[in-house]
Protein backbone atom coordinates (compact mmCIF):
# COMPACT_ATOMS: atom_id res chain seq x y z
CA MET A 1 -8.09 -22.29 -14.96
CA PRO A 2 -9.36 -21.87 -18.54
CA GLU A 3 -10.42 -25.53 -18.78
CA GLY A 4 -12.12 -25.45 -15.38
CA GLY A 5 -10.74 -26.80 -12.14
CA ARG A 6 -10.88 -26.53 -8.40
CA LEU A 7 -10.03 -23.60 -6.13
CA ARG A 8 -9.39 -24.56 -2.50
CA ILE A 9 -9.16 -22.18 0.46
CA ALA A 10 -8.19 -23.68 3.82
CA THR A 11 -7.08 -22.51 7.25
CA GLY A 12 -5.23 -24.29 10.00
CA HIS A 13 -2.53 -24.22 12.68
CA ARG A 14 1.11 -25.18 12.27
CA VAL A 15 4.04 -25.52 14.66
CA VAL A 16 7.45 -25.06 12.99
CA LEU A 17 10.35 -26.46 15.01
CA ARG A 18 13.09 -25.62 12.52
CA PRO A 19 13.21 -23.62 9.27
CA GLY A 20 11.88 -25.67 6.37
CA GLY A 21 12.13 -25.42 2.63
CA GLU A 22 9.67 -22.53 2.56
CA GLY A 23 11.88 -20.48 4.86
CA THR A 24 9.20 -20.13 7.56
CA PRO A 25 10.88 -19.34 10.91
CA PRO A 26 10.26 -21.61 13.92
CA GLY A 27 7.14 -20.75 15.88
CA ARG A 28 3.40 -21.27 16.22
CA TRP A 29 1.50 -20.10 13.16
CA VAL A 30 -1.97 -19.70 11.76
CA VAL A 31 -1.97 -20.78 8.11
CA LEU A 32 -4.10 -19.56 5.21
CA GLU A 33 -3.69 -21.74 2.11
CA ILE A 34 -5.06 -20.98 -1.36
CA SER A 35 -4.54 -23.56 -4.09
CA ASP A 36 -5.82 -24.22 -7.59
CA THR A 37 -5.61 -26.97 -10.18
CA GLY A 38 -4.71 -24.65 -13.05
CA GLY A 39 -1.81 -24.65 -15.45
CA GLY A 40 0.82 -23.67 -12.90
CA ILE A 41 3.58 -21.05 -13.11
CA PRO A 42 6.80 -21.55 -15.12
CA PRO A 43 9.62 -22.26 -12.62
CA GLU A 44 11.76 -19.38 -13.89
CA LEU A 45 8.99 -16.91 -12.96
CA VAL A 46 8.30 -18.16 -9.42
CA PRO A 47 11.29 -16.33 -7.80
CA ARG A 48 10.06 -13.02 -9.26
CA LEU A 49 6.38 -13.21 -8.30
CA PHE A 50 6.67 -10.75 -5.39
CA GLU A 51 8.81 -8.16 -7.20
CA PRO A 52 6.97 -4.81 -7.45
CA PHE A 53 6.00 -4.00 -11.06
CA PHE A 54 6.90 -7.48 -12.35
CA THR A 55 4.03 -8.78 -14.47
CA THR A 56 3.49 -11.08 -17.44
CA ARG A 57 0.18 -9.36 -18.26
CA ILE A 58 1.14 -5.84 -19.28
CA ASP A 59 -1.09 -6.14 -22.36
CA LYS A 60 -4.05 -6.94 -20.07
CA GLY A 61 -3.51 -4.03 -17.68
CA GLY A 62 -1.39 -5.85 -15.12
CA THR A 63 0.69 -3.64 -12.80
CA GLY A 64 2.68 -6.27 -10.90
CA LEU A 65 1.71 -4.65 -7.59
CA GLY A 66 -0.82 -7.18 -6.28
CA LEU A 67 1.46 -9.86 -4.89
CA GLY A 68 4.07 -7.32 -3.83
CA THR A 69 1.43 -5.52 -1.76
CA VAL A 70 0.25 -8.81 -0.23
CA GLN A 71 3.82 -9.68 0.75
CA GLY A 72 4.27 -6.24 2.33
CA ILE A 73 1.10 -6.57 4.42
CA VAL A 74 2.02 -10.09 5.54
CA ALA A 75 5.58 -9.05 6.45
CA GLN A 76 4.26 -6.01 8.33
CA SER A 77 2.11 -8.40 10.40
CA GLY A 78 5.13 -10.54 11.27
CA GLY A 79 4.14 -13.26 8.84
CA HIS A 80 5.57 -15.16 5.89
CA ILE A 81 4.21 -16.04 2.43
CA ALA A 82 5.42 -18.85 0.18
CA VAL A 83 4.37 -20.31 -3.16
CA GLU A 84 4.59 -23.76 -4.73
CA SER A 85 3.73 -24.38 -8.37
CA ARG A 86 4.12 -27.13 -10.95
CA LEU A 87 3.30 -26.80 -14.61
CA GLY A 88 0.11 -28.65 -15.43
CA GLU A 89 -0.69 -29.33 -11.77
CA GLY A 90 -1.56 -25.97 -10.23
CA THR A 91 -0.32 -23.46 -7.67
CA THR A 92 -0.51 -23.13 -3.89
CA PHE A 93 0.10 -19.98 -1.82
CA ARG A 94 0.58 -20.33 1.95
CA ILE A 95 0.42 -17.40 4.33
CA HIS A 96 1.75 -17.95 7.86
CA LEU A 97 0.73 -15.42 10.50
CA PRO A 98 1.91 -15.47 14.15
CA ARG A 99 -0.50 -17.31 16.41
CA GLN A 100 -1.64 -15.34 19.45
CA ALA A 101 -1.60 -16.99 22.87
CA ALA A 102 -4.79 -15.22 23.98
CA VAL A 103 -7.64 -13.36 22.37
CA ALA A 104 -7.04 -9.64 22.56
CA ALA A 105 -9.80 -7.44 23.89
CA PRO A 106 -11.61 -5.69 21.02
CA LYS A 107 -10.56 -2.11 20.48
CA ALA A 108 -13.19 0.57 20.52
CA GLU A 109 -13.64 2.25 17.18
CA ALA A 110 -12.24 5.77 17.19
CA ALA A 111 -14.84 8.42 16.51
CA GLU A 112 -14.52 10.09 13.13
CA PRO A 113 -13.15 13.62 13.51
CA PRO A 114 -15.43 16.51 12.61
CA ALA A 115 -15.25 17.86 9.09
CA ALA A 116 -12.38 20.29 8.67
CA ALA A 117 -12.46 23.54 6.76
CA PRO A 118 -10.63 23.59 3.40
CA ALA A 119 -6.89 23.70 3.93
CA PRO A 120 -5.32 27.17 3.62
CA GLY A 121 -3.02 27.93 0.74
CA GLY A 122 -4.53 25.55 -1.80
CA PRO A 123 -6.02 22.10 -2.34
CA ILE A 124 -4.70 18.71 -1.31
CA LEU A 125 -2.77 17.11 -4.16
CA LEU A 126 -3.76 13.41 -4.16
CA VAL A 127 -1.60 11.10 -6.29
CA GLU A 128 -2.66 7.45 -6.70
CA ASP A 129 -2.21 5.30 -9.81
CA ASP A 130 -5.04 2.89 -8.89
CA ALA A 131 -8.23 4.52 -10.22
CA PRO A 132 -10.74 3.11 -7.65
CA LEU A 133 -8.43 4.04 -4.74
CA ARG A 134 -7.88 7.49 -6.19
CA LEU A 135 -11.63 8.08 -6.51
CA LEU A 136 -12.27 6.77 -2.99
CA GLY A 137 -9.48 8.89 -1.51
CA ALA A 138 -10.73 12.03 -3.23
CA ARG A 139 -14.27 11.44 -1.92
CA LEU A 140 -13.06 10.86 1.63
CA LEU A 141 -11.00 14.05 1.63
CA GLU A 142 -13.81 16.10 0.09
CA ARG A 143 -16.23 14.80 2.72
CA GLY A 144 -13.70 15.95 5.29
CA GLY A 145 -14.02 19.49 3.96
CA HIS A 146 -10.92 19.59 1.77
CA ALA A 147 -10.52 20.73 -1.81
CA VAL A 148 -8.75 18.03 -3.84
CA LEU A 149 -6.71 17.84 -7.02
CA ALA A 150 -6.22 14.21 -8.10
CA ALA A 151 -3.52 12.79 -10.37
CA ASP A 152 -2.76 9.24 -11.52
CA SER A 153 1.04 9.59 -11.55
CA ALA A 154 3.90 11.75 -10.34
CA GLU A 155 4.26 13.13 -13.84
CA ALA A 156 0.58 14.15 -13.99
CA ALA A 157 0.92 15.80 -10.57
CA LEU A 158 3.91 17.81 -11.77
CA ASP A 159 1.88 18.91 -14.80
CA LEU A 160 -0.84 20.23 -12.47
CA VAL A 161 1.77 22.15 -10.49
CA GLY A 162 3.29 23.45 -13.72
CA ALA A 163 -0.14 24.72 -14.75
CA GLY A 164 -0.32 26.84 -11.59
CA ALA A 165 -1.71 24.59 -8.87
CA VAL A 166 -0.28 25.37 -5.41
CA PRO A 167 -0.97 22.45 -3.04
CA ALA A 168 -1.41 22.79 0.70
CA LEU A 169 -0.52 19.12 1.19
CA LEU A 170 0.77 16.22 -0.90
CA VAL A 171 -0.91 12.85 -0.26
CA SER A 172 0.74 10.25 -2.48
CA ASP A 173 1.10 6.52 -2.90
CA VAL A 174 4.73 5.42 -2.72
CA ALA A 175 4.87 2.65 -5.34
CA MET A 176 3.85 3.94 -8.77
CA PRO A 177 5.05 3.42 -12.34
CA GLY A 178 7.52 6.12 -13.33
CA ALA A 179 8.65 8.42 -10.52
CA ASP A 180 7.51 7.13 -7.12
CA GLY A 181 5.87 9.10 -4.33
CA VAL A 182 9.13 9.79 -2.49
CA GLU A 183 10.76 11.27 -5.59
CA LEU A 184 7.64 13.37 -6.25
CA ALA A 185 7.69 14.69 -2.68
CA ARG A 186 11.36 15.63 -2.97
CA ARG A 187 10.78 17.48 -6.24
CA LEU A 188 7.86 19.44 -4.82
CA ARG A 189 9.86 20.22 -1.67
CA ARG A 190 12.53 21.87 -3.83
CA ARG A 191 9.87 24.38 -4.85
CA TRP A 192 8.02 24.56 -1.51
CA PRO A 193 10.39 23.50 1.29
CA ALA A 194 7.60 23.64 3.91
CA LEU A 195 5.13 21.52 1.91
CA PRO A 196 3.52 18.90 4.20
CA VAL A 197 3.78 15.37 2.80
CA LEU A 198 1.75 12.25 3.66
CA LEU A 199 2.91 9.06 1.91
CA LEU A 200 0.73 5.95 1.62
CA SER A 201 1.89 2.38 1.04
CA GLY A 202 0.92 -1.24 1.52
CA TYR A 203 4.55 -1.86 2.46
CA ALA A 204 5.71 -1.10 5.99
CA GLU A 205 8.12 1.83 6.20
CA ALA A 206 10.85 -0.59 7.31
CA VAL A 207 10.24 -2.77 4.26
CA LEU A 208 10.66 0.27 2.01
CA ASP A 209 14.17 0.65 3.46
CA ARG A 210 13.77 4.43 3.69
CA ASP A 211 13.78 6.70 6.71
CA LEU A 212 10.89 8.87 5.60
CA GLY A 213 10.60 10.64 8.95
CA ALA A 214 14.14 11.99 8.58
CA GLU A 215 12.93 13.98 5.58
CA GLY A 216 9.85 15.24 7.39
CA PHE A 217 7.46 12.94 5.49
CA ARG A 218 4.52 11.41 7.34
CA PHE A 219 3.67 7.78 6.53
CA LEU A 220 0.37 5.87 6.62
CA ASP A 221 0.12 2.10 6.13
CA LYS A 222 -2.46 0.65 3.76
CA PRO A 223 -5.13 -0.46 4.33
CA PHE A 224 -6.60 2.28 6.50
CA GLY A 225 -10.06 3.55 7.43
CA PRO A 226 -11.51 6.99 6.67
CA PRO A 227 -11.05 8.32 10.25
CA LYS A 228 -7.35 7.45 10.26
CA LEU A 229 -6.75 9.11 6.89
CA LEU A 230 -8.50 12.30 7.99
CA ARG A 231 -6.58 12.36 11.29
CA GLU A 232 -3.26 12.01 9.47
CA VAL A 233 -4.22 14.74 7.00
CA ALA A 234 -5.22 17.05 9.88
CA ALA A 235 -1.95 16.31 11.68
CA ALA A 236 0.08 17.00 8.53
CA LEU A 237 -1.69 20.29 7.87
CA GLY A 238 -1.50 21.34 11.49
CA GLY A 239 2.20 20.58 11.85
CA GLN A 240 3.52 22.73 9.03
CA ASP A 241 2.74 25.94 7.22
CA ALA A 242 0.75 25.80 4.02
CA ALA A 243 2.70 25.41 0.82
CA GLY A 244 1.58 28.76 -0.46
CA ALA A 245 2.79 30.68 2.58
């Protein structure tokens, strides 16, 4: 809203008796609505807003992953997201999440596992194109007692391997520019067939339309807490031999 305007965030309940124009299935929903009075989105771009890597702001550092990640998280939660926009009038996003009939009892927080010794056979190869997430992931793993090599792309990770790095575990985001995390894992597995692999994504595994478990890849949904990441890393390292064996 370069000329100023109003940003509105609202919540509410909605009962859908039959599918409407937004495509929301019938049911009882909790609704989160975010609207602005900005310039709106050109109608030819609206159908592409949730496509991974689609962006109109490449020159400003846009990756096109923000809305795609939001859609994946909403879909994983059984919800639905829709957008309405008119040029000169603004844009509205509506997120529908299934309404619960009763309040669930709070879950006790799992205790963080004790720090593990550095993994045998080499460091953990962490691949994440988002710089803040990459830095955070590396710190979490190092605090867990692991040596870490970090890369911002599959190509950079392959360069590290080509320079002599022998990873004990690959921890990689799935959706990245260039080769994705699945392709990287497959290429490293050609060299080290027993290499443990942990893939991370804001999309549910079902949304990715890939049976990662059939290839022996572990999968962790984003967002996740430090204890869960360390547990998955420990499980991956404990379930297979080190890559350098």
